[in-house]
């Protein structure tokens, strides 16, 4: 009887050993990278609907909405090689605090000296049919299958706008070559960023609305509404591609 029980346990031990013999040890949490965004207008914090600002043309205005897409992230290592990260699309909305903290997963361990990303949604996703998450039509950041996504958007009011509501609407989009507003941004890091197994480093960035109005000066007297791809959208996109800056980081 004892031998039978021993033999039974031995068999189970052999089965369990066989099943788990080829299973590698748990490597621990996969490294990720946190990006934290703060929104500014010039040297002041962006405060929607309350604070009054002045643009490069000397026109006062308030902002009621500020949103933009970020995607197509990559990192450059200290030895110059480029690591393209898994596809990820984020809609950063000043009205939603959680959207201003985004997480990039599956970061290979290493040391990095710069980060690169796209302001907007790449052309393939613009023609990929109904999508979900940040790219869902319900976000209000999509025009039509022909015009595609609104890559970046600000709305507000200014006494310089000659309409009863004194409202300006800058909805910048366009993914086709002649009207494209897709802009890549490359930002050097202030020091090498070390990513290792289980680590969650953070990069702090600012997005400055002031850059929407210069260096190619934008005046509300000349541009009040942008609601389709075209020359005005390209002009503003050429400005806002400079709105990002890295203010700090932690390994």
Foldseek 3Di string as FASTA:
>chain_A
DVVVVVVVVVVVVVVVCVVCVPPDDDLAAFEKEKEAEFEAAVPHGQDAPPDWDAAPVRFIWGWHWKKAKKWFKWFAAPVGDIGTAPTDMAIQIPVDNVSRMDMGTRDDFHKTWKMKIKQFDAPVVLQPPADDDPQHVVVVQADDSVQGGQGIWIKTATPLAPDPRRIAIQRATHRDDVQHLMDMAMATDPDIDGIDHPDYKYWYKYFHPNQLQDDVHDDCNVHRYDDGGDDSSNSSSVRRSPRMDTDDMDD
